[in-house]
PDB file of N, CA and C in Angstrom:
ATOM      1  N   MET A   1     -23.128 -35.226 -18.681  1.00  0.00           N
ATOM      2  CA  MET A   1     -23.619 -34.746 -17.741  1.00  0.00           C
ATOM      3  C   MET A   1     -24.512 -33.018 -18.156  1.00  0.00           C
ATOM      4  N   THR A   2     -25.568 -32.758 -17.515  1.00  0.00           N
ATOM      5  CA  THR A   2     -26.507 -31.764 -17.234  1.00  0.00           C
ATOM      6  C   THR A   2     -25.608 -29.893 -17.268  1.00  0.00           C
ATOM      7  N   SER A   3     -26.414 -29.669 -18.418  1.00  0.00           N
ATOM      8  CA  SER A   3     -26.055 -27.827 -17.884  1.00  0.00           C
ATOM      9  C   SER A   3     -26.063 -27.380 -16.620  1.00  0.00           C
ATOM     10  N   LYS A   4     -27.503 -27.859 -16.207  1.00  0.00           N
ATOM     11  CA  LYS A   4     -27.204 -27.297 -15.084  1.00  0.00           C
ATOM     12  C   LYS A   4     -26.243 -27.825 -13.699  1.00  0.00           C
ATOM     13  N   LYS A   5     -25.514 -29.307 -14.502  1.00  0.00           N
ATOM     14  CA  LYS A   5     -24.728 -29.694 -12.731  1.00  0.00           C
ATOM     15  C   LYS A   5     -23.834 -28.812 -13.803  1.00  0.00           C
ATOM     16  N   LYS A   6     -23.031 -28.291 -15.253  1.00  0.00           N
ATOM     17  CA  LYS A   6     -21.761 -27.982 -15.348  1.00  0.00           C
ATOM     18  C   LYS A   6     -22.002 -26.916 -15.427  1.00  0.00           C
ATOM     19  N   ASN A   7     -23.149 -25.798 -14.551  1.00  0.00           N
ATOM     20  CA  ASN A   7     -23.474 -24.074 -14.634  1.00  0.00           C
ATOM     21  C   ASN A   7     -22.905 -24.290 -12.704  1.00  0.00           C
ATOM     22  N   LYS A   8     -23.515 -25.356 -12.486  1.00  0.00           N
ATOM     23  CA  LYS A   8     -23.432 -25.380 -10.735  1.00  0.00           C
ATOM     24  C   LYS A   8     -21.679 -25.518 -10.446  1.00  0.00           C
ATOM     25  N   LYS A   9     -20.604 -26.441 -11.446  1.00  0.00           N
ATOM     26  CA  LYS A   9     -19.515 -26.725 -11.040  1.00  0.00           C
ATOM     27  C   LYS A   9     -19.215 -25.469 -11.838  1.00  0.00           C
ATOM     28  N   SER A  10     -18.957 -24.698 -12.475  1.00  0.00           N
ATOM     29  CA  SER A  10     -18.509 -23.510 -12.501  1.00  0.00           C
ATOM     30  C   SER A  10     -18.690 -22.578 -11.420  1.00  0.00           C
ATOM     31  N   TYR A  11     -19.959 -22.677 -10.773  1.00  0.00           N
ATOM     32  CA  TYR A  11     -19.908 -21.220  -9.506  1.00  0.00           C
ATOM     33  C   TYR A  11     -19.363 -21.845  -8.289  1.00  0.00           C
ATOM     34  N   LEU A  12     -18.553 -23.266  -8.658  1.00  0.00           N
ATOM     35  CA  LEU A  12     -18.458 -23.324  -6.825  1.00  0.00           C
ATOM     36  C   LEU A  12     -16.302 -23.633  -7.567  1.00  0.00           C
ATOM     37  N   VAL A  13     -16.505 -23.064  -8.521  1.00  0.00           N
ATOM     38  CA  VAL A  13     -15.000 -22.656  -9.005  1.00  0.00           C
ATOM     39  C   VAL A  13     -14.597 -21.627  -9.565  1.00  0.00           C
ATOM     40  N   VAL A  14     -15.341 -20.024  -9.853  1.00  0.00           N
ATOM     41  CA  VAL A  14     -15.598 -19.410  -9.646  1.00  0.00           C
ATOM     42  C   VAL A  14     -15.138 -18.302  -8.465  1.00  0.00           C
ATOM     43  N   VAL A  15     -16.730 -18.311  -7.215  1.00  0.00           N
ATOM     44  CA  VAL A  15     -16.681 -18.009  -6.760  1.00  0.00           C
ATOM     45  C   VAL A  15     -15.694 -18.082  -5.764  1.00  0.00           C
ATOM     46  N   PRO A  16     -15.222 -19.148  -5.159  1.00  0.00           N
ATOM     47  CA  PRO A  16     -13.978 -19.112  -4.189  1.00  0.00           C
ATOM     48  C   PRO A  16     -12.840 -18.039  -5.344  1.00  0.00           C
ATOM     49  N   VAL A  17     -12.793 -18.303  -6.485  1.00  0.00           N
ATOM     50  CA  VAL A  17     -11.574 -17.651  -7.234  1.00  0.00           C
ATOM     51  C   VAL A  17     -11.668 -16.018  -6.941  1.00  0.00           C
ATOM     52  N   LEU A  18     -12.708 -15.375  -7.176  1.00  0.00           N
ATOM     53  CA  LEU A  18     -13.531 -13.992  -6.559  1.00  0.00           C
ATOM     54  C   LEU A  18     -13.760 -13.369  -5.442  1.00  0.00           C
ATOM     55  N   ILE A  19     -13.617 -14.519  -4.084  1.00  0.00           N
ATOM     56  CA  ILE A  19     -13.663 -14.061  -3.667  1.00  0.00           C
ATOM     57  C   ILE A  19     -12.467 -13.446  -3.137  1.00  0.00           C
ATOM     58  N   LEU A  20     -11.119 -14.507  -3.376  1.00  0.00           N
ATOM     59  CA  LEU A  20      -9.341 -14.482  -2.397  1.00  0.00           C
ATOM     60  C   LEU A  20      -9.395 -13.867  -3.230  1.00  0.00           C
ATOM     61  N   LEU A  21      -9.612 -13.006  -5.068  1.00  0.00           N
ATOM     62  CA  LEU A  21      -9.305 -11.457  -5.711  1.00  0.00           C
ATOM     63  C   LEU A  21      -9.314 -10.466  -4.731  1.00  0.00           C
ATOM     64  N   CYS A  22     -10.690 -10.839  -4.251  1.00  0.00           N
ATOM     65  CA  CYS A  22     -11.078  -9.387  -3.350  1.00  0.00           C
ATOM     66  C   CYS A  22     -10.284  -9.572  -2.591  1.00  0.00           C
ATOM     67  N   ILE A  23     -10.009 -11.000  -1.576  1.00  0.00           N
ATOM     68  CA  ILE A  23      -8.936 -10.154  -0.191  1.00  0.00           C
ATOM     69  C   ILE A  23      -8.085 -10.029  -0.869  1.00  0.00           C
ATOM     70  N   GLY A  24      -7.365 -10.640  -1.381  1.00  0.00           N
ATOM     71  CA  GLY A  24      -6.270  -9.316  -1.846  1.00  0.00           C
ATOM     72  C   GLY A  24      -6.873  -8.037  -2.487  1.00  0.00           C
ATOM     73  N   TYR A  25      -7.418  -7.803  -3.298  1.00  0.00           N
ATOM     74  CA  TYR A  25      -7.452  -6.486  -3.127  1.00  0.00           C
ATOM     75  C   TYR A  25      -7.100  -5.142  -2.140  1.00  0.00           C
ATOM     76  N   PHE A  26      -7.927  -5.930  -1.289  1.00  0.00           N
ATOM     77  CA  PHE A  26      -8.353  -5.384   0.339  1.00  0.00           C
ATOM     78  C   PHE A  26      -8.041  -5.434   1.448  1.00  0.00           C
ATOM     79  N   SER A  27      -6.706  -6.549   1.358  1.00  0.00           N
ATOM     80  CA  SER A  27      -5.524  -6.172   1.922  1.00  0.00           C
ATOM     81  C   SER A  27      -4.181  -5.042   1.177  1.00  0.00           C
ATOM     82  N   SER A  28      -3.605  -5.557   0.195  1.00  0.00           N
ATOM     83  CA  SER A  28      -3.117  -4.582  -0.373  1.00  0.00           C
ATOM     84  C   SER A  28      -3.371  -3.512  -0.262  1.00  0.00           C
ATOM     85  N   ARG A  29      -4.325  -2.617  -0.796  1.00  0.00           N
ATOM     86  CA  ARG A  29      -5.361  -1.903  -0.154  1.00  0.00           C
ATOM     87  C   ARG A  29      -4.791  -1.283   1.429  1.00  0.00           C
ATOM     88  N   SER A  30      -5.652  -1.984   1.993  1.00  0.00           N
ATOM     89  CA  SER A  30      -5.142  -1.596   3.623  1.00  0.00           C
ATOM     90  C   SER A  30      -3.258  -1.648   4.173  1.00  0.00           C
ATOM     91  N   ASN A  31      -3.273  -1.643   3.351  1.00  0.00           N
ATOM     92  CA  ASN A  31      -1.537  -2.028   3.206  1.00  0.00           C
ATOM     93  C   ASN A  31      -1.093  -0.592   2.718  1.00  0.00           C
ATOM     94  N   LYS A  32      -1.133  -0.785   1.349  1.00  0.00           N
ATOM     95  CA  LYS A  32      -1.027   1.381   1.346  1.00  0.00           C
ATOM     96  C   LYS A  32      -1.554   1.951   2.260  1.00  0.00           C
ATOM     97  N   ILE A  33      -2.510   2.176   2.379  1.00  0.00           N
ATOM     98  CA  ILE A  33      -3.134   3.279   3.266  1.00  0.00           C
ATOM     99  C   ILE A  33      -2.234   2.872   4.503  1.00  0.00           C
ATOM    100  N   LYS A  34      -1.574   2.048   5.551  1.00  0.00           N
ATOM    101  CA  LYS A  34      -0.890   1.949   6.831  1.00  0.00           C
ATOM    102  C   LYS A  34       0.012   3.003   6.210  1.00  0.00           C
ATOM    103  N   LEU A  35       0.726   2.670   5.139  1.00  0.00           N
ATOM    104  CA  LEU A  35       2.269   3.231   4.534  1.00  0.00           C
ATOM    105  C   LEU A  35       2.321   4.954   4.572  1.00  0.00           C
ATOM    106  N   GLU A  36       1.342   5.185   4.905  1.00  0.00           N
ATOM    107  CA  GLU A  36       0.572   6.343   4.846  1.00  0.00           C
ATOM    108  C   GLU A  36       1.779   7.655   5.580  1.00  0.00           C
ATOM    109  N   LYS A  37       1.694   6.483   6.365  1.00  0.00           N
ATOM    110  CA  LYS A  37       2.355   7.388   8.044  1.00  0.00           C
ATOM    111  C   LYS A  37       3.429   6.021   8.671  1.00  0.00           C
ATOM    112  N   PHE A  38       5.228   6.718   7.847  1.00  0.00           N
ATOM    113  CA  PHE A  38       5.953   5.549   8.043  1.00  0.00           C
ATOM    114  C   PHE A  38       6.714   5.776   8.749  1.00  0.00           C
ATOM    115  N   GLY A  39       7.967   5.099   8.787  1.00  0.00           N
ATOM    116  CA  GLY A  39       9.626   5.025   9.352  1.00  0.00           C
ATOM    117  C   GLY A  39      10.096   4.946   8.054  1.00  0.00           C
ATOM    118  N   VAL A  40      11.499   4.790   7.894  1.00  0.00           N
ATOM    119  CA  VAL A  40      12.525   4.159   7.254  1.00  0.00           C
ATOM    120  C   VAL A  40      13.699   4.051   7.714  1.00  0.00           C
ATOM    121  N   THR A  41      14.044   2.656   7.256  1.00  0.00           N
ATOM    122  CA  THR A  41      14.884   1.415   7.940  1.00  0.00           C
ATOM    123  C   THR A  41      16.267   0.635   7.203  1.00  0.00           C
ATOM    124  N   VAL A  42      16.342  -0.212   7.475  1.00  0.00           N
ATOM    125  CA  VAL A  42      16.922  -0.844   6.202  1.00  0.00           C
ATOM    126  C   VAL A  42      16.555  -2.328   6.407  1.00  0.00           C
ATOM    127  N   GLY A  43      16.853  -3.065   5.381  1.00  0.00           N
ATOM    128  CA  GLY A  43      16.195  -4.160   5.195  1.00  0.00           C
ATOM    129  C   GLY A  43      17.262  -4.808   3.831  1.00  0.00           C
ATOM    130  N   HIS A  44      17.478  -5.816   4.765  1.00  0.00           N
ATOM    131  CA  HIS A  44      19.266  -6.951   4.069  1.00  0.00           C
ATOM    132  C   HIS A  44      17.918  -8.234   2.970  1.00  0.00           C
ATOM    133  N   ILE A  45      18.545  -8.311   2.083  1.00  0.00           N
ATOM    134  CA  ILE A  45      17.976  -9.335   0.687  1.00  0.00           C
ATOM    135  C   ILE A  45      18.037 -10.363   1.731  1.00  0.00           C
ATOM    136  N   GLN A  46      17.551 -11.533   1.915  1.00  0.00           N
ATOM    137  CA  GLN A  46      17.934 -12.870   2.804  1.00  0.00           C
ATOM    138  C   GLN A  46      18.325 -14.350   1.213  1.00  0.00           C
ATOM    139  N   GLU A  47      16.785 -13.810   0.085  1.00  0.00           N
ATOM    140  CA  GLU A  47      16.512 -14.948  -1.020  1.00  0.00           C
ATOM    141  C   GLU A  47      15.751 -14.068  -1.952  1.00  0.00           C
ATOM    142  N   ILE A  48      16.193 -14.819  -3.297  1.00  0.00           N
ATOM    143  CA  ILE A  48      15.974 -14.266  -4.046  1.00  0.00           C
ATOM    144  C   ILE A  48      14.745 -15.157  -5.083  1.00  0.00           C
ATOM    145  N   GLU A  49      13.353 -15.390  -4.985  1.00  0.00           N
ATOM    146  CA  GLU A  49      13.502 -16.622  -5.663  1.00  0.00           C
ATOM    147  C   GLU A  49      11.966 -16.489  -6.748  1.00  0.00           C
ATOM    148  N   PRO A  50      12.283 -17.085  -8.158  1.00  0.00           N
ATOM    149  CA  PRO A  50      11.671 -17.106  -9.007  1.00  0.00           C
ATOM    150  C   PRO A  50       9.773 -17.617  -8.688  1.00  0.00           C
ATOM    151  N   MET A  51       8.650 -17.410  -9.003  1.00  0.00           N
ATOM    152  CA  MET A  51       7.441 -17.149  -8.544  1.00  0.00           C
ATOM    153  C   MET A  51       7.197 -17.818 -10.338  1.00  0.00           C
ATOM    154  N   ASN A  52       6.340 -18.871 -10.333  1.00  0.00           N
ATOM    155  CA  ASN A  52       5.755 -19.680 -11.743  1.00  0.00           C
ATOM    156  C   ASN A  52       5.301 -17.893 -12.021  1.00  0.00           C
ATOM    157  N   ARG A  53       5.964 -17.977 -13.554  1.00  0.00           N
ATOM    158  CA  ARG A  53       4.855 -17.027 -14.424  1.00  0.00           C
ATOM    159  C   ARG A  53       4.789 -14.869 -13.879  1.00  0.00           C
ATOM    160  N   ARG A  54       5.478 -15.123 -12.784  1.00  0.00           N
ATOM    161  CA  ARG A  54       4.882 -14.244 -11.616  1.00  0.00           C
ATOM    162  C   ARG A  54       6.264 -12.802 -11.706  1.00  0.00           C
ATOM    163  N   GLY A  55       7.589 -13.827 -12.268  1.00  0.00           N
ATOM    164  CA  GLY A  55       8.697 -12.938 -11.959  1.00  0.00           C
ATOM    165  C   GLY A  55       9.063 -13.500 -10.117  1.00  0.00           C
ATOM    166  N   TYR A  56       9.975 -12.511 -10.268  1.00  0.00           N
ATOM    167  CA  TYR A  56      11.218 -13.114  -8.734  1.00  0.00           C
ATOM    168  C   TYR A  56      10.681 -11.969  -8.061  1.00  0.00           C
ATOM    169  N   PHE A  57      10.609 -12.623  -6.283  1.00  0.00           N
ATOM    170  CA  PHE A  57      10.286 -11.915  -5.385  1.00  0.00           C
ATOM    171  C   PHE A  57      11.489 -12.241  -4.871  1.00  0.00           C
ATOM    172  N   VAL A  58      11.471 -10.751  -3.315  1.00  0.00           N
ATOM    173  CA  VAL A  58      13.005 -11.116  -2.897  1.00  0.00           C
ATOM    174  C   VAL A  58      11.978 -11.220  -1.431  1.00  0.00           C
ATOM    175  N   LYS A  59      12.882 -11.966  -0.291  1.00  0.00           N
ATOM    176  CA  LYS A  59      12.510 -11.860   0.812  1.00  0.00           C
ATOM    177  C   LYS A  59      13.920 -10.964   1.625  1.00  0.00           C
ATOM    178  N   TYR A  60      13.762 -10.377   2.418  1.00  0.00           N
ATOM    179  CA  TYR A  60      13.876  -9.285   3.388  1.00  0.00           C
ATOM    180  C   TYR A  60      13.817  -9.269   5.201  1.00  0.00           C
ATOM    181  N   ASN A  61      15.060  -9.408   5.582  1.00  0.00           N
ATOM    182  CA  ASN A  61      14.350  -8.992   7.134  1.00  0.00           C
ATOM    183  C   ASN A  61      15.029  -7.351   7.055  1.00  0.00           C
ATOM    184  N   TYR A  62      14.141  -6.080   8.529  1.00  0.00           N
ATOM    185  CA  TYR A  62      14.532  -5.166   8.873  1.00  0.00           C
ATOM    186  C   TYR A  62      14.456  -5.607  10.442  1.00  0.00           C
ATOM    187  N   ASN A  63      14.718  -4.997  10.942  1.00  0.00           N
ATOM    188  CA  ASN A  63      15.115  -4.460  11.932  1.00  0.00           C
ATOM    189  C   ASN A  63      14.434  -3.302  13.121  1.00  0.00           C
ATOM    190  N   ILE A  64      13.120  -3.148  13.485  1.00  0.00           N
ATOM    191  CA  ILE A  64      13.268  -1.880  14.241  1.00  0.00           C
ATOM    192  C   ILE A  64      13.155  -2.370  15.652  1.00  0.00           C
ATOM    193  N   SER A  65      13.950  -1.143  16.934  1.00  0.00           N
ATOM    194  CA  SER A  65      13.702  -1.018  17.899  1.00  0.00           C
ATOM    195  C   SER A  65      13.530  -2.364  19.216  1.00  0.00           C
ATOM    196  N   GLY A  66      15.078  -3.031  17.974  1.00  0.00           N
ATOM    197  CA  GLY A  66      15.383  -4.263  18.240  1.00  0.00           C
ATOM    198  C   GLY A  66      14.766  -5.903  18.228  1.00  0.00           C
ATOM    199  N   ARG A  67      13.369  -5.715  17.057  1.00  0.00           N
ATOM    200  CA  ARG A  67      12.778  -6.429  16.958  1.00  0.00           C
ATOM    201  C   ARG A  67      12.523  -6.670  15.047  1.00  0.00           C
ATOM    202  N   GLN A  68      13.134  -8.513  14.442  1.00  0.00           N
ATOM    203  CA  GLN A  68      13.128  -8.694  13.334  1.00  0.00           C
ATOM    204  C   GLN A  68      11.916  -8.398  12.374  1.00  0.00           C
ATOM    205  N   TYR A  69      11.556  -8.158  11.156  1.00  0.00           N
ATOM    206  CA  TYR A  69      10.791  -8.408  11.146  1.00  0.00           C
ATOM    207  C   TYR A  69      11.144  -9.050   9.133  1.00  0.00           C
ATOM    208  N   TYR A  70      10.140  -9.814   8.812  1.00  0.00           N
ATOM    209  CA  TYR A  70      10.736  -9.768   7.457  1.00  0.00           C
ATOM    210  C   TYR A  70       9.222 -10.288   6.576  1.00  0.00           C
ATOM    211  N   ASN A  71       9.936 -10.028   4.510  1.00  0.00           N
ATOM    212  CA  ASN A  71       8.435  -9.397   4.191  1.00  0.00           C
ATOM    213  C   ASN A  71       9.400 -10.094   2.952  1.00  0.00           C
ATOM    214  N   THR A  72       8.166 -10.378   1.806  1.00  0.00           N
ATOM    215  CA  THR A  72       8.473 -10.261   0.388  1.00  0.00           C
ATOM    216  C   THR A  72       8.120  -9.711   0.002  1.00  0.00           C
ATOM    217  N   GLN A  73       8.424  -9.707  -1.448  1.00  0.00           N
ATOM    218  CA  GLN A  73       8.112  -8.150  -1.998  1.00  0.00           C
ATOM    219  C   GLN A  73       8.727  -8.837  -3.724  1.00  0.00           C
ATOM    220  N   LYS A  74       7.913  -8.418  -4.531  1.00  0.00           N
ATOM    221  CA  LYS A  74       8.205  -8.735  -5.931  1.00  0.00           C
ATOM    222  C   LYS A  74       9.796  -7.678  -6.339  1.00  0.00           C
ATOM    223  N   LEU A  75      10.160  -8.741  -7.175  1.00  0.00           N
ATOM    224  CA  LEU A  75      11.784  -7.902  -7.643  1.00  0.00           C
ATOM    225  C   LEU A  75      10.862  -7.172  -9.215  1.00  0.00           C
ATOM    226  N   THR A  76      11.050  -5.358  -8.915  1.00  0.00           N
ATOM    227  CA  THR A  76      10.833  -4.571  -9.921  1.00  0.00           C
ATOM    228  C   THR A  76      11.410  -4.175 -10.262  1.00  0.00           C
ATOM    229  N   ILE A  77      13.250  -4.156 -10.392  1.00  0.00           N
ATOM    230  CA  ILE A  77      14.246  -4.071 -11.358  1.00  0.00           C
ATOM    231  C   ILE A  77      15.187  -5.546 -11.784  1.00  0.00           C
ATOM    232  N   LYS A  78      15.707  -5.768 -12.642  1.00  0.00           N
ATOM    233  CA  LYS A  78      16.538  -6.239 -13.172  1.00  0.00           C
ATOM    234  C   LYS A  78      17.197  -8.012 -12.038  1.00  0.00           C
ATOM    235  N   LYS A  79      17.099  -8.919 -11.630  1.00  0.00           N
ATOM    236  CA  LYS A  79      17.226  -9.237 -11.573  1.00  0.00           C
ATOM    237  C   LYS A  79      19.146  -9.629 -10.883  1.00  0.00           C
ATOM    238  N   GLU A  80      19.643  -9.081 -11.957  1.00  0.00           N
ATOM    239  CA  GLU A  80      21.405  -8.380 -11.690  1.00  0.00           C
ATOM    240  C   GLU A  80      21.985  -7.437 -11.258  1.00  0.00           C
ATOM    241  N   LEU A  81      20.299  -6.829 -10.810  1.00  0.00           N
ATOM    242  CA  LEU A  81      21.583  -5.489  -9.991  1.00  0.00           C
ATOM    243  C   LEU A  81      20.641  -5.928  -7.901  1.00  0.00           C
ATOM    244  N   VAL A  82      20.890  -7.055  -8.101  1.00  0.00           N
ATOM    245  CA  VAL A  82      20.118  -7.398  -6.680  1.00  0.00           C
ATOM    246  C   VAL A  82      20.559  -8.632  -6.285  1.00  0.00           C
ATOM    247  N   SER A  83      21.567  -8.822  -4.952  1.00  0.00           N
ATOM    248  CA  SER A  83      22.380  -9.889  -5.296  1.00  0.00           C
ATOM    249  C   SER A  83      21.837 -10.222  -2.998  1.00  0.00           C
ATOM    250  N   VAL A  84      21.825 -11.396  -2.827  1.00  0.00           N
ATOM    251  CA  VAL A  84      21.566 -11.713  -1.305  1.00  0.00           C
ATOM    252  C   VAL A  84      22.703 -11.260  -1.023  1.00  0.00           C
ATOM    253  N   GLY A  85      22.166 -10.460   0.270  1.00  0.00           N
ATOM    254  CA  GLY A  85      22.973  -9.535   1.129  1.00  0.00           C
ATOM    255  C   GLY A  85      23.065  -8.037   1.303  1.00  0.00           C
ATOM    256  N   ASP A  86      21.912  -8.165  -0.420  1.00  0.00           N
ATOM    257  CA  ASP A  86      22.528  -6.412  -0.293  1.00  0.00           C
ATOM    258  C   ASP A  86      21.477  -6.043   0.297  1.00  0.00           C
ATOM    259  N   ILE A  87      21.548  -4.438   0.540  1.00  0.00           N
ATOM    260  CA  ILE A  87      21.005  -3.340   1.519  1.00  0.00           C
ATOM    261  C   ILE A  87      19.598  -2.545   1.126  1.00  0.00           C
ATOM    262  N   PHE A  88      19.097  -2.467   1.420  1.00  0.00           N
ATOM    263  CA  PHE A  88      18.195  -1.708   0.427  1.00  0.00           C
ATOM    264  C   PHE A  88      17.452  -0.917   1.840  1.00  0.00           C
ATOM    265  N   GLU A  89      17.166   0.314   1.565  1.00  0.00           N
ATOM    266  CA  GLU A  89      16.146   1.539   2.229  1.00  0.00           C
ATOM    267  C   GLU A  89      14.527   0.582   2.628  1.00  0.00           C
ATOM    268  N   VAL A  90      13.970   0.524   3.903  1.00  0.00           N
ATOM    269  CA  VAL A  90      12.210  -0.647   3.750  1.00  0.00           C
ATOM    270  C   VAL A  90      11.697   1.394   4.541  1.00  0.00           C
ATOM    271  N   LYS A  91      11.221   1.000   3.745  1.00  0.00           N
ATOM    272  CA  LYS A  91       9.953   2.263   4.197  1.00  0.00           C
ATOM    273  C   LYS A  91       8.613   1.008   5.282  1.00  0.00           C
ATOM    274  N   TYR A  92       8.269   1.465   6.195  1.00  0.00           N
ATOM    275  CA  TYR A  92       7.639   0.597   7.341  1.00  0.00           C
ATOM    276  C   TYR A  92       6.467   1.730   8.234  1.00  0.00           C
ATOM    277  N   SER A  93       5.823   0.744   8.468  1.00  0.00           N
ATOM    278  CA  SER A  93       4.125   1.780   8.386  1.00  0.00           C
ATOM    279  C   SER A  93       4.197   2.086  10.299  1.00  0.00           C
ATOM    280  N   ILE A  94       3.707   3.108  10.965  1.00  0.00           N
ATOM    281  CA  ILE A  94       3.716   3.265  11.684  1.00  0.00           C
ATOM    282  C   ILE A  94       3.318   2.599  13.291  1.00  0.00           C
ATOM    283  N   GLU A  95       2.317   2.464  12.429  1.00  0.00           N
ATOM    284  CA  GLU A  95       1.140   1.381  13.067  1.00  0.00           C
ATOM    285  C   GLU A  95       0.893   0.300  12.539  1.00  0.00           C
ATOM    286  N   ASP A  96       1.543  -0.633  11.908  1.00  0.00           N
ATOM    287  CA  ASP A  96       1.677  -1.627  11.835  1.00  0.00           C
ATOM    288  C   ASP A  96       3.702  -1.788  11.304  1.00  0.00           C
ATOM    289  N   LYS A  97       4.441  -2.543  12.072  1.00  0.00           N
ATOM    290  CA  LYS A  97       5.537  -2.349  11.447  1.00  0.00           C
ATOM    291  C   LYS A  97       5.917  -3.975  10.496  1.00  0.00           C
ATOM    292  N   SER A  98       4.923  -4.684  10.885  1.00  0.00           N
ATOM    293  CA  SER A  98       5.165  -5.594  10.028  1.00  0.00           C
ATOM    294  C   SER A  98       4.955  -5.828   8.689  1.00  0.00           C
ATOM    295  N   VAL A  99       3.814  -4.154   7.983  1.00  0.00           N
ATOM    296  CA  VAL A  99       3.624  -3.676   6.800  1.00  0.00           C
ATOM    297  C   VAL A  99       5.255  -3.184   6.588  1.00  0.00           C
ATOM    298  N   SER A 100       5.305  -3.166   5.534  1.00  0.00           N
ATOM    299  CA  SER A 100       6.937  -2.102   4.841  1.00  0.00           C
ATOM    300  C   SER A 100       6.551  -2.178   3.191  1.00  0.00           C
ATOM    301  N   GLU A 101       7.712  -1.441   2.865  1.00  0.00           N
ATOM    302  CA  GLU A 101       7.926  -1.550   1.386  1.00  0.00           C
ATOM    303  C   GLU A 101       9.471  -1.656   1.167  1.00  0.00           C
ATOM    304  N   LEU A 102       9.586  -2.141   0.558  1.00  0.00           N
ATOM    305  CA  LEU A 102      11.442  -2.434  -0.183  1.00  0.00           C
ATOM    306  C   LEU A 102      11.331  -0.544  -1.024  1.00  0.00           C
ATOM    307  N   ASN A 103      12.703  -0.029  -1.309  1.00  0.00           N
ATOM    308  CA  ASN A 103      12.761   1.044  -2.170  1.00  0.00           C
ATOM    309  C   ASN A 103      13.737   0.705  -3.202  1.00  0.00           C
ATOM    310  N   PHE A 104      13.589  -0.418  -3.717  1.00  0.00           N
ATOM    311  CA  PHE A 104      15.022  -0.265  -5.020  1.00  0.00           C
ATOM    312  C   PHE A 104      15.707   0.512  -5.619  1.00  0.00           C
ATOM    313  N   LYS A 105      15.144   1.575  -5.383  1.00  0.00           N
ATOM    314  CA  LYS A 105      16.151   3.143  -6.236  1.00  0.00           C
ATOM    315  C   LYS A 105      16.781   3.029  -4.999  1.00  0.00           C
ATOM    316  N   LYS A 106      16.650   3.117  -3.269  1.00  0.00           N
ATOM    317  CA  LYS A 106      17.686   3.291  -2.362  1.00  0.00           C
ATOM    318  C   LYS A 106      18.219   2.079  -2.264  1.00  0.00           C
ATOM    319  N   LYS A 107      19.882   1.573  -3.570  1.00  0.00           N
ATOM    320  CA  LYS A 107      20.398   0.487  -2.386  1.00  0.00           C
ATOM    321  C   LYS A 107      21.570   1.548  -1.697  1.00  0.00           C
ATOM    322  N   ILE A 108      21.954   1.071  -0.993  1.00  0.00           N
ATOM    323  CA  ILE A 108      22.644   1.133   0.090  1.00  0.00           C
ATOM    324  C   ILE A 108      24.397   0.158   0.622  1.00  0.00           C
ATOM    325  N   ASN A 109      25.316   1.039   0.521  1.00  0.00           N
ATOM    326  CA  ASN A 109      26.621   0.495  -0.202  1.00  0.00           C
ATOM    327  C   ASN A 109      26.705  -0.485   1.662  1.00  0.00           C
ATOM    328  N   ASN A 110      27.115  -2.092   1.323  1.00  0.00           N
ATOM    329  CA  ASN A 110      27.300  -2.490   2.760  1.00  0.00           C
ATOM    330  C   ASN A 110      28.744  -2.192   2.466  1.00  0.00           C
ATOM    331  N   GLU A 111      29.193  -1.932   2.487  1.00  0.00           N
ATOM    332  CA  GLU A 111      31.047  -1.593   2.110  1.00  0.00           C
ATOM    333  C   GLU A 111      32.091  -1.754   3.627  1.00  0.00           C
TER     334      GLU A 111
END
């Protein structure tokens, strides 16, 4: 295989990866901006799952005005401190209610 063919194959891998990284970055940035104007509700942990080499992620749901929303977030506290069914405060965007963020520092007793 010639050097030119190797370089072309490298571009075929590197360019799509860079594009995906840029899309992820700008999507994340957009969501942070949307959360500047927010409301607060409660979210219920539905699932805790490991992601390859990325840690644990939680799936949660929350309700706003009778409509159910679902989201996934990286677990930023010890896995042992969170169980399916736990309730945490959720900050959601007034602009786009599907954009939200669990607050692991504000666990709500579900007694």
